[in-house]
PDB file of N, CA and C in Angstrom:
ATOM      1  N   MET A   1      27.792 -10.492  15.944  1.00  0.00           N
ATOM      2  CA  MET A   1      27.766 -10.339  17.405  1.00  0.00           C
ATOM      3  C   MET A   1      26.444 -10.932  17.827  1.00  0.00           C
ATOM      4  N   SER A   2      26.656 -12.107  18.551  1.00  0.00           N
ATOM      5  CA  SER A   2      25.531 -12.882  18.968  1.00  0.00           C
ATOM      6  C   SER A   2      25.334 -12.953  20.469  1.00  0.00           C
ATOM      7  N   GLU A   3      25.041 -11.908  21.039  1.00  0.00           N
ATOM      8  CA  GLU A   3      25.037 -11.783  22.618  1.00  0.00           C
ATOM      9  C   GLU A   3      23.647 -12.317  23.065  1.00  0.00           C
ATOM     10  N   ASN A   4      23.653 -12.918  24.150  1.00  0.00           N
ATOM     11  CA  ASN A   4      22.393 -13.379  24.679  1.00  0.00           C
ATOM     12  C   ASN A   4      21.844 -12.214  25.674  1.00  0.00           C
ATOM     13  N   TYR A   5      20.530 -12.207  25.701  1.00  0.00           N
ATOM     14  CA  TYR A   5      19.897 -11.211  26.476  1.00  0.00           C
ATOM     15  C   TYR A   5      18.919 -11.818  27.429  1.00  0.00           C
ATOM     16  N   ASP A   6      19.138 -11.565  28.748  1.00  0.00           N
ATOM     17  CA  ASP A   6      18.245 -12.043  29.772  1.00  0.00           C
ATOM     18  C   ASP A   6      16.994 -11.134  29.933  1.00  0.00           C
ATOM     19  N   CYS A   7      15.866 -11.656  29.632  1.00  0.00           N
ATOM     20  CA  CYS A   7      14.705 -10.859  29.468  1.00  0.00           C
ATOM     21  C   CYS A   7      13.802 -10.831  30.962  1.00  0.00           C
ATOM     22  N   ASN A   8      14.606 -11.397  32.013  1.00  0.00           N
ATOM     23  CA  ASN A   8      14.057 -11.406  33.369  1.00  0.00           C
ATOM     24  C   ASN A   8      12.771 -12.201  33.486  1.00  0.00           C
ATOM     25  N   CYS A   9      12.547 -13.061  32.529  1.00  0.00           N
ATOM     26  CA  CYS A   9      11.399 -13.985  32.715  1.00  0.00           C
ATOM     27  C   CYS A   9      11.808 -15.461  32.819  1.00  0.00           C
ATOM     28  N   GLY A  10      13.059 -15.619  33.082  1.00  0.00           N
ATOM     29  CA  GLY A  10      13.510 -17.021  33.172  1.00  0.00           C
ATOM     30  C   GLY A  10      14.157 -17.515  31.861  1.00  0.00           C
ATOM     31  N   CYS A  11      13.967 -16.917  30.703  1.00  0.00           N
ATOM     32  CA  CYS A  11      14.343 -17.327  29.442  1.00  0.00           C
ATOM     33  C   CYS A  11      15.566 -16.443  29.040  1.00  0.00           C
ATOM     34  N   VAL A  12      16.471 -17.051  28.119  1.00  0.00           N
ATOM     35  CA  VAL A  12      17.506 -16.206  27.580  1.00  0.00           C
ATOM     36  C   VAL A  12      17.289 -16.184  26.124  1.00  0.00           C
ATOM     37  N   ALA A  13      17.171 -14.998  25.503  1.00  0.00           N
ATOM     38  CA  ALA A  13      16.880 -14.811  24.057  1.00  0.00           C
ATOM     39  C   ALA A  13      18.051 -14.183  23.411  1.00  0.00           C
ATOM     40  N   ASN A  14      18.247 -14.497  22.123  1.00  0.00           N
ATOM     41  CA  ASN A  14      19.202 -13.960  21.434  1.00  0.00           C
ATOM     42  C   ASN A  14      19.024 -12.398  21.112  1.00  0.00           C
ATOM     43  N   GLN A  15      19.845 -11.569  21.412  1.00  0.00           N
ATOM     44  CA  GLN A  15      19.620 -10.141  21.406  1.00  0.00           C
ATOM     45  C   GLN A  15      19.228  -9.626  19.981  1.00  0.00           C
ATOM     46  N   SER A  16      19.854 -10.112  19.038  1.00  0.00           N
ATOM     47  CA  SER A  16      19.502  -9.682  17.589  1.00  0.00           C
ATOM     48  C   SER A  16      18.157 -10.149  17.136  1.00  0.00           C
ATOM     49  N   ALA A  17      17.711 -11.335  17.587  1.00  0.00           N
ATOM     50  CA  ALA A  17      16.343 -11.728  17.353  1.00  0.00           C
ATOM     51  C   ALA A  17      15.374 -10.940  17.999  1.00  0.00           C
ATOM     52  N   VAL A  18      15.626 -10.473  19.275  1.00  0.00           N
ATOM     53  CA  VAL A  18      14.721  -9.617  19.970  1.00  0.00           C
ATOM     54  C   VAL A  18      14.633  -8.413  19.218  1.00  0.00           C
ATOM     55  N   ILE A  19      15.794  -7.768  18.835  1.00  0.00           N
ATOM     56  CA  ILE A  19      15.807  -6.446  18.125  1.00  0.00           C
ATOM     57  C   ILE A  19      14.962  -6.608  16.891  1.00  0.00           C
ATOM     58  N   ALA A  20      15.184  -7.616  16.074  1.00  0.00           N
ATOM     59  CA  ALA A  20      14.513  -7.841  14.854  1.00  0.00           C
ATOM     60  C   ALA A  20      13.002  -7.832  15.061  1.00  0.00           C
ATOM     61  N   ASP A  21      12.558  -8.533  16.123  1.00  0.00           N
ATOM     62  CA  ASP A  21      11.145  -8.665  16.394  1.00  0.00           C
ATOM     63  C   ASP A  21      10.521  -7.294  16.802  1.00  0.00           C
ATOM     64  N   LEU A  22      11.315  -6.631  17.615  1.00  0.00           N
ATOM     65  CA  LEU A  22      10.809  -5.279  17.973  1.00  0.00           C
ATOM     66  C   LEU A  22      10.752  -4.299  16.729  1.00  0.00           C
ATOM     67  N   ARG A  23      11.718  -4.432  15.814  1.00  0.00           N
ATOM     68  CA  ARG A  23      11.595  -3.579  14.543  1.00  0.00           C
ATOM     69  C   ARG A  23      10.457  -3.992  13.648  1.00  0.00           C
ATOM     70  N   ARG A  24      10.116  -5.382  13.636  1.00  0.00           N
ATOM     71  CA  ARG A  24       8.951  -5.794  12.912  1.00  0.00           C
ATOM     72  C   ARG A  24       7.608  -5.211  13.402  1.00  0.00           C
ATOM     73  N   LYS A  25       7.525  -5.251  14.780  1.00  0.00           N
ATOM     74  CA  LYS A  25       6.420  -4.820  15.468  1.00  0.00           C
ATOM     75  C   LYS A  25       6.162  -3.250  15.249  1.00  0.00           C
ATOM     76  N   LEU A  26       7.346  -2.380  15.353  1.00  0.00           N
ATOM     77  CA  LEU A  26       7.224  -1.099  15.179  1.00  0.00           C
ATOM     78  C   LEU A  26       6.843  -0.772  13.796  1.00  0.00           C
ATOM     79  N   ARG A  27       7.371  -1.510  12.787  1.00  0.00           N
ATOM     80  CA  ARG A  27       6.882  -1.324  11.268  1.00  0.00           C
ATOM     81  C   ARG A  27       5.364  -1.638  11.200  1.00  0.00           C
ATOM     82  N   ASP A  28       5.000  -2.686  11.783  1.00  0.00           N
ATOM     83  CA  ASP A  28       3.544  -3.128  11.659  1.00  0.00           C
ATOM     84  C   ASP A  28       2.647  -2.000  12.325  1.00  0.00           C
ATOM     85  N   SER A  29       3.148  -1.490  13.434  1.00  0.00           N
ATOM     86  CA  SER A  29       2.346  -0.440  14.044  1.00  0.00           C
ATOM     87  C   SER A  29       2.363   0.890  13.185  1.00  0.00           C
ATOM     88  N   GLU A  30       3.396   1.224  12.602  1.00  0.00           N
ATOM     89  CA  GLU A  30       3.408   2.430  11.799  1.00  0.00           C
ATOM     90  C   GLU A  30       2.519   2.166  10.569  1.00  0.00           C
ATOM     91  N   ALA A  31       2.501   1.044  10.068  1.00  0.00           N
ATOM     92  CA  ALA A  31       1.711   0.691   8.839  1.00  0.00           C
ATOM     93  C   ALA A  31       0.125   0.866   9.176  1.00  0.00           C
ATOM     94  N   HIS A  32      -0.260   0.594  10.375  1.00  0.00           N
ATOM     95  CA  HIS A  32      -1.644   0.765  10.611  1.00  0.00           C
ATOM     96  C   HIS A  32      -2.002   2.017  11.100  1.00  0.00           C
ATOM     97  N   GLN A  33      -1.243   3.046  11.092  1.00  0.00           N
ATOM     98  CA  GLN A  33      -1.671   4.508  11.336  1.00  0.00           C
ATOM     99  C   GLN A  33      -2.490   5.046  10.128  1.00  0.00           C
ATOM    100  N   VAL A  34      -3.673   5.595  10.424  1.00  0.00           N
ATOM    101  CA  VAL A  34      -4.636   6.028   9.412  1.00  0.00           C
ATOM    102  C   VAL A  34      -4.057   6.894   8.437  1.00  0.00           C
ATOM    103  N   HIS A  35      -3.220   7.968   8.935  1.00  0.00           N
ATOM    104  CA  HIS A  35      -2.832   8.965   8.035  1.00  0.00           C
ATOM    105  C   HIS A  35      -1.926   8.434   6.891  1.00  0.00           C
ATOM    106  N   ARG A  36      -1.336   7.229   7.061  1.00  0.00           N
ATOM    107  CA  ARG A  36      -0.496   6.693   6.024  1.00  0.00           C
ATOM    108  C   ARG A  36      -1.315   6.340   4.806  1.00  0.00           C
ATOM    109  N   TYR A  37      -2.602   6.075   4.809  1.00  0.00           N
ATOM    110  CA  TYR A  37      -3.394   5.719   3.685  1.00  0.00           C
ATOM    111  C   TYR A  37      -3.404   6.977   2.631  1.00  0.00           C
ATOM    112  N   HIS A  38      -3.547   8.067   3.131  1.00  0.00           N
ATOM    113  CA  HIS A  38      -3.530   9.267   2.315  1.00  0.00           C
ATOM    114  C   HIS A  38      -2.209   9.336   1.619  1.00  0.00           C
ATOM    115  N   PHE A  39      -1.151   9.405   2.324  1.00  0.00           N
ATOM    116  CA  PHE A  39       0.181   9.638   1.685  1.00  0.00           C
ATOM    117  C   PHE A  39       0.487   8.430   0.663  1.00  0.00           C
ATOM    118  N   ALA A  40       0.200   7.209   1.005  1.00  0.00           N
ATOM    119  CA  ALA A  40       0.397   5.941   0.123  1.00  0.00           C
ATOM    120  C   ALA A  40      -0.435   6.124  -1.115  1.00  0.00           C
ATOM    121  N   SER A  41      -1.666   6.609  -1.004  1.00  0.00           N
ATOM    122  CA  SER A  41      -2.528   6.765  -2.217  1.00  0.00           C
ATOM    123  C   SER A  41      -1.942   7.717  -3.141  1.00  0.00           C
ATOM    124  N   GLU A  42      -1.422   8.818  -2.655  1.00  0.00           N
ATOM    125  CA  GLU A  42      -0.725   9.823  -3.417  1.00  0.00           C
ATOM    126  C   GLU A  42       0.615   9.371  -4.036  1.00  0.00           C
ATOM    127  N   GLU A  43       1.323   8.688  -3.346  1.00  0.00           N
ATOM    128  CA  GLU A  43       2.723   8.211  -3.702  1.00  0.00           C
ATOM    129  C   GLU A  43       2.733   7.060  -4.605  1.00  0.00           C
ATOM    130  N   VAL A  44       1.695   6.295  -4.585  1.00  0.00           N
ATOM    131  CA  VAL A  44       1.773   5.088  -5.541  1.00  0.00           C
ATOM    132  C   VAL A  44       1.869   5.475  -6.988  1.00  0.00           C
ATOM    133  N   GLU A  45       1.322   6.739  -7.279  1.00  0.00           N
ATOM    134  CA  GLU A  45       1.527   7.228  -8.702  1.00  0.00           C
ATOM    135  C   GLU A  45       3.042   7.200  -9.168  1.00  0.00           C
ATOM    136  N   ILE A  46       3.873   7.512  -8.207  1.00  0.00           N
ATOM    137  CA  ILE A  46       5.370   7.605  -8.434  1.00  0.00           C
ATOM    138  C   ILE A  46       5.869   6.359  -9.151  1.00  0.00           C
ATOM    139  N   PHE A  47       5.311   5.098  -8.793  1.00  0.00           N
ATOM    140  CA  PHE A  47       5.809   3.901  -9.449  1.00  0.00           C
ATOM    141  C   PHE A  47       5.147   3.481 -10.655  1.00  0.00           C
ATOM    142  N   SER A  48       4.698   4.405 -11.414  1.00  0.00           N
ATOM    143  CA  SER A  48       3.958   4.133 -12.651  1.00  0.00           C
ATOM    144  C   SER A  48       4.891   3.812 -13.844  1.00  0.00           C
ATOM    145  N   MET A  49       4.478   3.268 -14.870  1.00  0.00           N
ATOM    146  CA  MET A  49       5.183   2.915 -15.993  1.00  0.00           C
ATOM    147  C   MET A  49       5.859   3.988 -16.647  1.00  0.00           C
ATOM    148  N   ASP A  50       5.303   5.090 -16.549  1.00  0.00           N
ATOM    149  CA  ASP A  50       5.949   6.348 -17.126  1.00  0.00           C
ATOM    150  C   ASP A  50       7.210   6.808 -16.397  1.00  0.00           C
ATOM    151  N   ASN A  51       7.240   6.553 -15.100  1.00  0.00           N
ATOM    152  CA  ASN A  51       8.331   7.053 -14.210  1.00  0.00           C
ATOM    153  C   ASN A  51       9.459   5.892 -14.102  1.00  0.00           C
ATOM    154  N   PHE A  52       9.102   4.727 -14.385  1.00  0.00           N
ATOM    155  CA  PHE A  52      10.054   3.556 -14.203  1.00  0.00           C
ATOM    156  C   PHE A  52      10.327   2.852 -15.410  1.00  0.00           C
ATOM    157  N   LEU A  53      10.248   3.409 -16.600  1.00  0.00           N
ATOM    158  CA  LEU A  53      10.549   2.798 -17.807  1.00  0.00           C
ATOM    159  C   LEU A  53      12.052   2.559 -17.930  1.00  0.00           C
ATOM    160  N   GLY A  54      12.471   1.288 -18.053  1.00  0.00           N
ATOM    161  CA  GLY A  54      13.835   0.877 -17.911  1.00  0.00           C
ATOM    162  C   GLY A  54      14.312   0.605 -16.607  1.00  0.00           C
ATOM    163  N   SER A  55      13.422   0.661 -15.644  1.00  0.00           N
ATOM    164  CA  SER A  55      13.806   0.278 -14.174  1.00  0.00           C
ATOM    165  C   SER A  55      12.807  -0.642 -13.708  1.00  0.00           C
ATOM    166  N   SER A  56      12.979  -0.974 -12.421  1.00  0.00           N
ATOM    167  CA  SER A  56      12.037  -1.898 -11.685  1.00  0.00           C
ATOM    168  C   SER A  56      11.522  -1.284 -10.470  1.00  0.00           C
ATOM    169  N   VAL A  57      10.355  -1.794 -10.037  1.00  0.00           N
ATOM    170  CA  VAL A  57       9.756  -1.446  -8.756  1.00  0.00           C
ATOM    171  C   VAL A  57       9.900  -2.830  -8.054  1.00  0.00           C
ATOM    172  N   ILE A  58      10.448  -2.765  -6.809  1.00  0.00           N
ATOM    173  CA  ILE A  58      10.652  -4.006  -6.014  1.00  0.00           C
ATOM    174  C   ILE A  58       9.444  -4.123  -5.029  1.00  0.00           C
ATOM    175  N   ILE A  59       8.812  -5.241  -5.123  1.00  0.00           N
ATOM    176  CA  ILE A  59       7.531  -5.498  -4.375  1.00  0.00           C
ATOM    177  C   ILE A  59       7.926  -6.618  -3.296  1.00  0.00           C
ATOM    178  N   GLU A  60       7.569  -6.352  -2.065  1.00  0.00           N
ATOM    179  CA  GLU A  60       7.582  -7.324  -0.982  1.00  0.00           C
ATOM    180  C   GLU A  60       6.403  -7.163  -0.074  1.00  0.00           C
ATOM    181  N   ILE A  61       5.737  -8.208   0.068  1.00  0.00           N
ATOM    182  CA  ILE A  61       4.542  -8.150   0.797  1.00  0.00           C
ATOM    183  C   ILE A  61       4.625  -9.067   2.103  1.00  0.00           C
ATOM    184  N   THR A  62       4.390  -8.390   3.183  1.00  0.00           N
ATOM    185  CA  THR A  62       4.504  -9.159   4.516  1.00  0.00           C
ATOM    186  C   THR A  62       3.033  -9.215   5.039  1.00  0.00           C
ATOM    187  N   GLY A  63       2.772 -10.227   5.818  1.00  0.00           N
ATOM    188  CA  GLY A  63       1.531 -10.438   6.524  1.00  0.00           C
ATOM    189  C   GLY A  63       1.862 -10.682   8.085  1.00  0.00           C
ATOM    190  N   PRO A  64       0.858 -11.161   8.740  1.00  0.00           N
ATOM    191  CA  PRO A  64       1.057 -11.505  10.179  1.00  0.00           C
ATOM    192  C   PRO A  64       2.174 -12.397  10.388  1.00  0.00           C
ATOM    193  N   GLY A  65       2.867 -12.241  11.415  1.00  0.00           N
ATOM    194  CA  GLY A  65       3.977 -13.095  11.776  1.00  0.00           C
ATOM    195  C   GLY A  65       5.109 -12.976  10.750  1.00  0.00           C
ATOM    196  N   ARG A  66       5.533 -14.135  10.222  1.00  0.00           N
ATOM    197  CA  ARG A  66       6.523 -14.335   9.330  1.00  0.00           C
ATOM    198  C   ARG A  66       6.139 -14.620   7.791  1.00  0.00           C
ATOM    199  N   LEU A  67       4.761 -14.489   7.705  1.00  0.00           N
ATOM    200  CA  LEU A  67       4.272 -14.682   6.318  1.00  0.00           C
ATOM    201  C   LEU A  67       4.587 -13.585   5.347  1.00  0.00           C
ATOM    202  N   SER A  68       5.327 -14.030   4.267  1.00  0.00           N
ATOM    203  CA  SER A  68       5.795 -12.942   3.313  1.00  0.00           C
ATOM    204  C   SER A  68       5.834 -13.386   1.880  1.00  0.00           C
ATOM    205  N   MET A  69       5.917 -12.475   0.959  1.00  0.00           N
ATOM    206  CA  MET A  69       6.184 -12.787  -0.534  1.00  0.00           C
ATOM    207  C   MET A  69       7.172 -11.795  -0.948  1.00  0.00           C
ATOM    208  N   GLY A  70       8.186 -12.315  -1.736  1.00  0.00           N
ATOM    209  CA  GLY A  70       9.138 -11.432  -2.414  1.00  0.00           C
ATOM    210  C   GLY A  70      10.338 -11.466  -1.672  1.00  0.00           C
ATOM    211  N   PRO A  71      11.284 -10.537  -2.002  1.00  0.00           N
ATOM    212  CA  PRO A  71      11.072  -9.477  -2.962  1.00  0.00           C
ATOM    213  C   PRO A  71      11.039  -9.920  -4.380  1.00  0.00           C
ATOM    214  N   VAL A  72      10.303  -9.265  -5.287  1.00  0.00           N
ATOM    215  CA  VAL A  72      10.148  -9.490  -6.663  1.00  0.00           C
ATOM    216  C   VAL A  72      10.278  -8.188  -7.423  1.00  0.00           C
ATOM    217  N   ALA A  73      10.923  -8.245  -8.622  1.00  0.00           N
ATOM    218  CA  ALA A  73      11.014  -7.008  -9.324  1.00  0.00           C
ATOM    219  C   ALA A  73       9.875  -6.925 -10.436  1.00  0.00           C
ATOM    220  N   ILE A  74       9.193  -5.772 -10.498  1.00  0.00           N
ATOM    221  CA  ILE A  74       8.193  -5.500 -11.533  1.00  0.00           C
ATOM    222  C   ILE A  74       8.896  -4.532 -12.502  1.00  0.00           C
ATOM    223  N   ARG A  75       9.317  -5.091 -13.597  1.00  0.00           N
ATOM    224  CA  ARG A  75      10.009  -4.299 -14.582  1.00  0.00           C
ATOM    225  C   ARG A  75       9.169  -3.185 -15.270  1.00  0.00           C
ATOM    226  N   ASN A  76       9.757  -2.062 -15.483  1.00  0.00           N
ATOM    227  CA  ASN A  76       9.054  -0.952 -16.175  1.00  0.00           C
ATOM    228  C   ASN A  76       7.998  -0.310 -15.333  1.00  0.00           C
ATOM    229  N   GLY A  77       7.902  -0.520 -13.987  1.00  0.00           N
ATOM    230  CA  GLY A  77       6.880   0.190 -13.233  1.00  0.00           C
ATOM    231  C   GLY A  77       5.585  -0.500 -13.147  1.00  0.00           C
ATOM    232  N   LEU A  78       4.713  -0.053 -12.338  1.00  0.00           N
ATOM    233  CA  LEU A  78       3.309  -0.548 -12.217  1.00  0.00           C
ATOM    234  C   LEU A  78       2.504  -0.145 -13.328  1.00  0.00           C
ATOM    235  N   SER A  79       1.471  -0.925 -13.806  1.00  0.00           N
ATOM    236  CA  SER A  79       0.533  -0.674 -14.767  1.00  0.00           C
ATOM    237  C   SER A  79      -0.469   0.183 -14.122  1.00  0.00           C
ATOM    238  N   PRO A  80      -1.161   0.982 -15.020  1.00  0.00           N
ATOM    239  CA  PRO A  80      -2.285   1.827 -14.552  1.00  0.00           C
ATOM    240  C   PRO A  80      -3.362   1.040 -13.934  1.00  0.00           C
ATOM    241  N   GLU A  81      -3.638  -0.310 -14.301  1.00  0.00           N
ATOM    242  CA  GLU A  81      -4.598  -1.110 -13.623  1.00  0.00           C
ATOM    243  C   GLU A  81      -4.110  -1.493 -12.267  1.00  0.00           C
ATOM    244  N   THR A  82      -2.862  -1.729 -12.092  1.00  0.00           N
ATOM    245  CA  THR A  82      -2.401  -2.034 -10.739  1.00  0.00           C
ATOM    246  C   THR A  82      -2.390  -0.899  -9.890  1.00  0.00           C
ATOM    247  N   ILE A  83      -1.960   0.271 -10.258  1.00  0.00           N
ATOM    248  CA  ILE A  83      -2.154   1.566  -9.451  1.00  0.00           C
ATOM    249  C   ILE A  83      -3.513   1.786  -9.113  1.00  0.00           C
ATOM    250  N   LYS A  84      -4.528   1.600  -9.937  1.00  0.00           N
ATOM    251  CA  LYS A  84      -5.886   1.836  -9.670  1.00  0.00           C
ATOM    252  C   LYS A  84      -6.419   0.852  -8.565  1.00  0.00           C
ATOM    253  N   ALA A  85      -5.905  -0.472  -8.830  1.00  0.00           N
ATOM    254  CA  ALA A  85      -6.266  -1.559  -7.781  1.00  0.00           C
ATOM    255  C   ALA A  85      -5.693  -1.190  -6.379  1.00  0.00           C
ATOM    256  N   ILE A  86      -4.445  -0.807  -6.351  1.00  0.00           N
ATOM    257  CA  ILE A  86      -3.831  -0.413  -5.075  1.00  0.00           C
ATOM    258  C   ILE A  86      -4.502   0.747  -4.495  1.00  0.00           C
ATOM    259  N   LYS A  87      -4.909   1.711  -5.095  1.00  0.00           N
ATOM    260  CA  LYS A  87      -5.653   2.873  -4.641  1.00  0.00           C
ATOM    261  C   LYS A  87      -6.978   2.430  -4.033  1.00  0.00           C
ATOM    262  N   ALA A  88      -7.609   1.618  -4.786  1.00  0.00           N
ATOM    263  CA  ALA A  88      -8.950   1.051  -4.316  1.00  0.00           C
ATOM    264  C   ALA A  88      -8.833   0.316  -2.997  1.00  0.00           C
ATOM    265  N   ASP A  89      -7.886  -0.485  -2.901  1.00  0.00           N
ATOM    266  CA  ASP A  89      -7.650  -1.247  -1.651  1.00  0.00           C
ATOM    267  C   ASP A  89      -7.123  -0.242  -0.554  1.00  0.00           C
ATOM    268  N   LEU A  90      -6.368   0.727  -0.813  1.00  0.00           N
ATOM    269  CA  LEU A  90      -6.031   1.691   0.256  1.00  0.00           C
ATOM    270  C   LEU A  90      -7.240   2.419   0.686  1.00  0.00           C
ATOM    271  N   LYS A  91      -8.159   2.830  -0.197  1.00  0.00           N
ATOM    272  CA  LYS A  91      -9.471   3.570   0.229  1.00  0.00           C
ATOM    273  C   LYS A  91     -10.229   2.572   1.068  1.00  0.00           C
ATOM    274  N   ARG A  92     -10.344   1.291   0.620  1.00  0.00           N
ATOM    275  CA  ARG A  92     -11.202   0.336   1.425  1.00  0.00           C
ATOM    276  C   ARG A  92     -10.585   0.153   2.731  1.00  0.00           C
ATOM    277  N   SER A  93      -9.360   0.075   2.930  1.00  0.00           N
ATOM    278  CA  SER A  93      -8.746  -0.120   4.211  1.00  0.00           C
ATOM    279  C   SER A  93      -8.902   1.221   5.011  1.00  0.00           C
ATOM    280  N   PHE A  94      -8.741   2.392   4.439  1.00  0.00           N
ATOM    281  CA  PHE A  94      -8.934   3.646   5.152  1.00  0.00           C
ATOM    282  C   PHE A  94     -10.386   3.691   5.671  1.00  0.00           C
ATOM    283  N   ASP A  95     -11.443   3.330   4.824  1.00  0.00           N
ATOM    284  CA  ASP A  95     -12.728   3.324   5.199  1.00  0.00           C
ATOM    285  C   ASP A  95     -12.995   2.406   6.438  1.00  0.00           C
ATOM    286  N   TYR A  96     -12.412   1.269   6.377  1.00  0.00           N
ATOM    287  CA  TYR A  96     -12.618   0.253   7.391  1.00  0.00           C
ATOM    288  C   TYR A  96     -11.949   0.847   8.738  1.00  0.00           C
ATOM    289  N   ALA A  97     -10.702   1.338   8.468  1.00  0.00           N
ATOM    290  CA  ALA A  97     -10.004   1.836   9.760  1.00  0.00           C
ATOM    291  C   ALA A  97     -10.732   3.069  10.499  1.00  0.00           C
ATOM    292  N   THR A  98     -11.514   3.809   9.653  1.00  0.00           N
ATOM    293  CA  THR A  98     -12.151   4.997  10.200  1.00  0.00           C
ATOM    294  C   THR A  98     -13.700   4.799  10.471  1.00  0.00           C
ATOM    295  N   GLU A  99     -14.217   3.436  10.224  1.00  0.00           N
ATOM    296  CA  GLU A  99     -15.436   3.188  10.400  1.00  0.00           C
ATOM    297  C   GLU A  99     -16.079   3.315  11.787  1.00  0.00           C
ATOM    298  N   PHE A 100     -15.314   2.902  12.769  1.00  0.00           N
ATOM    299  CA  PHE A 100     -15.720   3.008  14.206  1.00  0.00           C
ATOM    300  C   PHE A 100     -15.064   4.181  14.805  1.00  0.00           C
ATOM    301  N   LYS A 101     -15.853   5.179  15.202  1.00  0.00           N
ATOM    302  CA  LYS A 101     -15.412   6.459  15.774  1.00  0.00           C
ATOM    303  C   LYS A 101     -16.019   6.510  17.185  1.00  0.00           C
ATOM    304  N   PRO A 102     -15.208   7.001  18.157  1.00  0.00           N
ATOM    305  CA  PRO A 102     -15.756   7.201  19.444  1.00  0.00           C
ATOM    306  C   PRO A 102     -16.970   8.229  19.498  1.00  0.00           C
ATOM    307  N   SER A 103     -17.932   7.849  20.412  1.00  0.00           N
ATOM    308  CA  SER A 103     -19.052   8.816  20.441  1.00  0.00           C
ATOM    309  C   SER A 103     -18.887   9.874  21.479  1.00  0.00           C
TER     310      SER A 103
END
């Protein structure tokens, strides 16, 4: 279904492209919520080599706009070093996100 959507600004956009863009913006906004760092730091342990032996963790990294990597399979789970590095990056990001507080 490729219906056009008139966005009242003189342009006509593909409705599915508009929806996809809105979903990406929503996902980006949710990812920046400070409370997510706590849960992600706890949940990353689930993807360890102990829990995923014989299976894969699928990694996909997205950046601003359409910049992305993946998806790629990490076989037999994440190594302890990778989990430690991810937790360190989550802590660093949390610290940065909470650095400026209103007075």
